[in-house]
Amino acid sequence: MTSPTSEDTTASSPAPEAEPARKSGFLAETLEELKLVVWPSRQQLFSESIAVILMVSLSAAAIAAVSRFYAWGSSQVFR
């Protein structure tokens, strides 16, 4: 088992004057990352949106059907 060194135990806090540089650096790095994103084409976006809407609608219909079935079943049992 090793014991912590003085570097591990001391809290390192950035200098107060480095704060604006960190914010602008974050913004610049964010913009650089956004340039690397592969954005979908209009056709791909449209077809995948339709697929999501269809699957959500089918899932909602299935959940509603199961819920109505259990409601009907409980009304038959607990008259």
N, C-alpha and C. Protein backbone atom coordinates (compact mmCIF):
# COMPACT_ATOMS: atom_id res chain seq x y z
N MET A 1 0.84 -1.16 0.00
CA MET A 1 0.00 0.00 0.00
C MET A 1 0.89 1.23 0.00
N THR A 2 0.56 2.21 -0.79
CA THR A 2 1.37 3.42 -0.88
C THR A 2 0.66 4.55 -0.15
N SER A 3 1.47 5.45 0.37
CA SER A 3 0.90 6.61 1.05
C SER A 3 0.85 7.78 0.08
N PRO A 4 -0.12 8.67 0.27
CA PRO A 4 -0.23 9.80 -0.65
C PRO A 4 0.95 10.75 -0.51
N THR A 5 1.35 11.32 -1.61
CA THR A 5 2.43 12.29 -1.59
C THR A 5 1.87 13.67 -1.34
N SER A 6 2.73 14.63 -1.17
CA SER A 6 2.27 16.00 -0.93
C SER A 6 1.54 16.55 -2.15
N GLU A 7 1.89 16.05 -3.33
CA GLU A 7 1.20 16.49 -4.54
C GLU A 7 -0.23 15.98 -4.57
N ASP A 8 -0.46 14.78 -4.02
CA ASP A 8 -1.79 14.20 -4.01
C ASP A 8 -2.70 14.87 -2.99
N THR A 9 -2.12 15.32 -1.89
CA THR A 9 -2.94 15.84 -0.79
C THR A 9 -3.21 17.34 -0.90
N THR A 10 -2.41 18.07 -1.64
CA THR A 10 -2.64 19.51 -1.75
C THR A 10 -3.68 19.78 -2.82
N ALA A 11 -4.58 20.69 -2.48
CA ALA A 11 -5.63 21.05 -3.44
C ALA A 11 -5.05 22.05 -4.42
N SER A 12 -5.15 21.73 -5.68
CA SER A 12 -4.64 22.65 -6.68
C SER A 12 -5.81 23.46 -7.21
N SER A 13 -5.71 24.77 -7.07
CA SER A 13 -6.77 25.64 -7.57
C SER A 13 -6.15 26.57 -8.61
N PRO A 14 -6.88 26.82 -9.70
CA PRO A 14 -6.33 27.70 -10.73
C PRO A 14 -6.23 29.13 -10.23
N ALA A 15 -5.31 29.83 -10.81
CA ALA A 15 -5.11 31.22 -10.42
C ALA A 15 -6.33 32.04 -10.84
N PRO A 16 -6.73 33.04 -10.06
CA PRO A 16 -7.91 33.83 -10.39
C PRO A 16 -7.81 34.53 -11.75
N GLU A 17 -6.61 34.93 -12.15
CA GLU A 17 -6.47 35.61 -13.43
C GLU A 17 -6.57 34.66 -14.62
N ALA A 18 -6.51 33.35 -14.38
CA ALA A 18 -6.61 32.38 -15.46
C ALA A 18 -8.06 32.07 -15.82
N GLU A 19 -9.00 32.56 -15.05
CA GLU A 19 -10.42 32.25 -15.27
C GLU A 19 -10.94 32.72 -16.63
N PRO A 20 -10.72 33.95 -17.09
CA PRO A 20 -11.21 34.34 -18.42
C PRO A 20 -10.56 33.53 -19.53
N ALA A 21 -9.31 33.16 -19.38
CA ALA A 21 -8.64 32.37 -20.40
C ALA A 21 -9.26 30.98 -20.48
N ARG A 22 -9.66 30.43 -19.35
CA ARG A 22 -10.29 29.11 -19.34
C ARG A 22 -11.62 29.15 -20.06
N LYS A 23 -12.41 30.21 -19.84
CA LYS A 23 -13.72 30.31 -20.48
C LYS A 23 -13.58 30.46 -21.98
N SER A 24 -12.67 31.31 -22.43
CA SER A 24 -12.51 31.48 -23.88
C SER A 24 -11.89 30.23 -24.49
N GLY A 25 -11.03 29.56 -23.75
CA GLY A 25 -10.45 28.31 -24.23
C GLY A 25 -11.51 27.24 -24.37
N PHE A 26 -12.44 27.19 -23.43
CA PHE A 26 -13.54 26.23 -23.50
C PHE A 26 -14.41 26.50 -24.71
N LEU A 27 -14.73 27.76 -24.97
CA LEU A 27 -15.56 28.13 -26.11
C LEU A 27 -14.86 27.77 -27.42
N ALA A 28 -13.58 28.07 -27.51
CA ALA A 28 -12.83 27.75 -28.73
C ALA A 28 -12.76 26.24 -28.95
N GLU A 29 -12.52 25.48 -27.87
CA GLU A 29 -12.46 24.03 -28.00
C GLU A 29 -13.83 23.46 -28.36
N THR A 30 -14.89 24.04 -27.84
CA THR A 30 -16.24 23.58 -28.17
C THR A 30 -16.53 23.81 -29.65
N LEU A 31 -16.16 24.96 -30.17
CA LEU A 31 -16.37 25.24 -31.59
C LEU A 31 -15.55 24.30 -32.47
N GLU A 32 -14.33 23.99 -32.05
CA GLU A 32 -13.51 23.05 -32.80
C GLU A 32 -14.14 21.66 -32.82
N GLU A 33 -14.71 21.23 -31.68
CA GLU A 33 -15.36 19.92 -31.63
C GLU A 33 -16.61 19.91 -32.51
N LEU A 34 -17.35 21.01 -32.54
CA LEU A 34 -18.54 21.07 -33.38
C LEU A 34 -18.20 21.00 -34.86
N LYS A 35 -17.02 21.44 -35.23
CA LYS A 35 -16.60 21.33 -36.63
C LYS A 35 -16.31 19.88 -37.01
N LEU A 36 -16.00 19.03 -36.02
CA LEU A 36 -15.69 17.63 -36.28
C LEU A 36 -16.95 16.76 -36.34
N VAL A 37 -18.09 17.30 -35.94
CA VAL A 37 -19.33 16.52 -35.94
C VAL A 37 -19.76 16.23 -37.37
N VAL A 38 -20.17 15.00 -37.61
CA VAL A 38 -20.71 14.63 -38.92
C VAL A 38 -22.22 14.81 -38.84
N TRP A 39 -22.72 15.87 -39.42
CA TRP A 39 -24.13 16.19 -39.35
C TRP A 39 -24.89 15.36 -40.37
N PRO A 40 -26.12 14.91 -40.04
CA PRO A 40 -26.89 14.10 -40.99
C PRO A 40 -27.41 14.93 -42.15
N SER A 41 -27.64 14.26 -43.27
CA SER A 41 -28.23 14.95 -44.41
C SER A 41 -29.71 15.20 -44.14
N ARG A 42 -30.32 16.03 -44.97
CA ARG A 42 -31.74 16.34 -44.78
C ARG A 42 -32.58 15.07 -44.93
N GLN A 43 -32.26 14.24 -45.90
CA GLN A 43 -33.01 13.00 -46.13
C GLN A 43 -32.85 12.04 -44.95
N GLN A 44 -31.64 11.90 -44.44
CA GLN A 44 -31.40 11.01 -43.31
C GLN A 44 -32.13 11.53 -42.07
N LEU A 45 -32.09 12.83 -41.85
CA LEU A 45 -32.77 13.42 -40.71
C LEU A 45 -34.27 13.18 -40.80
N PHE A 46 -34.84 13.35 -41.99
CA PHE A 46 -36.27 13.16 -42.19
C PHE A 46 -36.66 11.70 -41.96
N SER A 47 -35.93 10.76 -42.56
CA SER A 47 -36.29 9.35 -42.44
C SER A 47 -36.13 8.85 -41.01
N GLU A 48 -35.09 9.28 -40.32
CA GLU A 48 -34.90 8.84 -38.94
C GLU A 48 -35.93 9.48 -38.02
N SER A 49 -36.34 10.70 -38.31
CA SER A 49 -37.39 11.33 -37.51
C SER A 49 -38.71 10.59 -37.68
N ILE A 50 -39.03 10.19 -38.91
CA ILE A 50 -40.25 9.42 -39.16
C ILE A 50 -40.18 8.09 -38.41
N ALA A 51 -39.02 7.43 -38.43
CA ALA A 51 -38.86 6.16 -37.73
C ALA A 51 -39.08 6.32 -36.22
N VAL A 52 -38.55 7.39 -35.65
CA VAL A 52 -38.72 7.63 -34.22
C VAL A 52 -40.18 7.90 -33.89
N ILE A 53 -40.83 8.74 -34.69
CA ILE A 53 -42.24 9.06 -34.44
C ILE A 53 -43.10 7.80 -34.56
N LEU A 54 -42.81 6.96 -35.54
CA LEU A 54 -43.55 5.72 -35.73
C LEU A 54 -43.36 4.78 -34.54
N MET A 55 -42.14 4.60 -34.10
CA MET A 55 -41.87 3.69 -32.98
C MET A 55 -42.49 4.20 -31.68
N VAL A 56 -42.45 5.51 -31.45
CA VAL A 56 -43.07 6.06 -30.25
C VAL A 56 -44.58 5.86 -30.31
N SER A 57 -45.18 6.07 -31.47
CA SER A 57 -46.63 5.88 -31.63
C SER A 57 -47.02 4.42 -31.41
N LEU A 58 -46.25 3.50 -31.99
CA LEU A 58 -46.54 2.08 -31.79
C LEU A 58 -46.36 1.66 -30.33
N SER A 59 -45.36 2.17 -29.69
CA SER A 59 -45.14 1.85 -28.27
C SER A 59 -46.27 2.39 -27.42
N ALA A 60 -46.70 3.62 -27.69
CA ALA A 60 -47.81 4.21 -26.94
C ALA A 60 -49.09 3.42 -27.15
N ALA A 61 -49.34 2.97 -28.38
CA ALA A 61 -50.53 2.18 -28.66
C ALA A 61 -50.48 0.83 -27.93
N ALA A 62 -49.32 0.20 -27.91
CA ALA A 62 -49.18 -1.08 -27.22
C ALA A 62 -49.39 -0.91 -25.70
N ILE A 63 -48.83 0.13 -25.14
CA ILE A 63 -49.00 0.38 -23.70
C ILE A 63 -50.45 0.68 -23.39
N ALA A 64 -51.12 1.46 -24.23
CA ALA A 64 -52.54 1.76 -24.02
C ALA A 64 -53.38 0.49 -24.12
N ALA A 65 -53.07 -0.39 -25.07
CA ALA A 65 -53.83 -1.64 -25.23
C ALA A 65 -53.66 -2.53 -23.99
N VAL A 66 -52.45 -2.66 -23.51
CA VAL A 66 -52.21 -3.48 -22.32
C VAL A 66 -52.91 -2.86 -21.11
N SER A 67 -52.85 -1.55 -20.98
CA SER A 67 -53.51 -0.87 -19.87
C SER A 67 -55.02 -1.08 -19.91
N ARG A 68 -55.62 -0.95 -21.09
CA ARG A 68 -57.07 -1.17 -21.22
C ARG A 68 -57.43 -2.63 -20.93
N PHE A 69 -56.59 -3.56 -21.36
CA PHE A 69 -56.85 -4.96 -21.08
C PHE A 69 -56.85 -5.22 -19.58
N TYR A 70 -55.86 -4.70 -18.86
CA TYR A 70 -55.82 -4.90 -17.42
C TYR A 70 -56.96 -4.17 -16.72
N ALA A 71 -57.36 -3.01 -17.22
CA ALA A 71 -58.51 -2.31 -16.65
C ALA A 71 -59.78 -3.14 -16.84
N TRP A 72 -59.94 -3.71 -18.05
CA TRP A 72 -61.11 -4.56 -18.30
C TRP A 72 -61.06 -5.79 -17.40
N GLY A 73 -59.89 -6.42 -17.29
CA GLY A 73 -59.75 -7.61 -16.45
C GLY A 73 -60.05 -7.31 -14.99
N SER A 74 -59.55 -6.21 -14.48
CA SER A 74 -59.82 -5.88 -13.07
C SER A 74 -61.28 -5.53 -12.86
N SER A 75 -61.95 -4.93 -13.87
CA SER A 75 -63.37 -4.63 -13.71
C SER A 75 -64.20 -5.93 -13.72
N GLN A 76 -63.74 -6.96 -14.40
CA GLN A 76 -64.43 -8.24 -14.40
C GLN A 76 -64.24 -8.97 -13.07
N VAL A 77 -63.06 -8.83 -12.47
CA VAL A 77 -62.78 -9.52 -11.22
C VAL A 77 -63.42 -8.80 -10.04
N PHE A 78 -63.33 -7.48 -10.00
CA PHE A 78 -63.79 -6.71 -8.85
C PHE A 78 -65.11 -6.00 -9.15
N ARG A 79 -66.14 -6.74 -9.50
CA ARG A 79 -67.44 -6.14 -9.77
C ARG A 79 -68.11 -5.68 -8.52
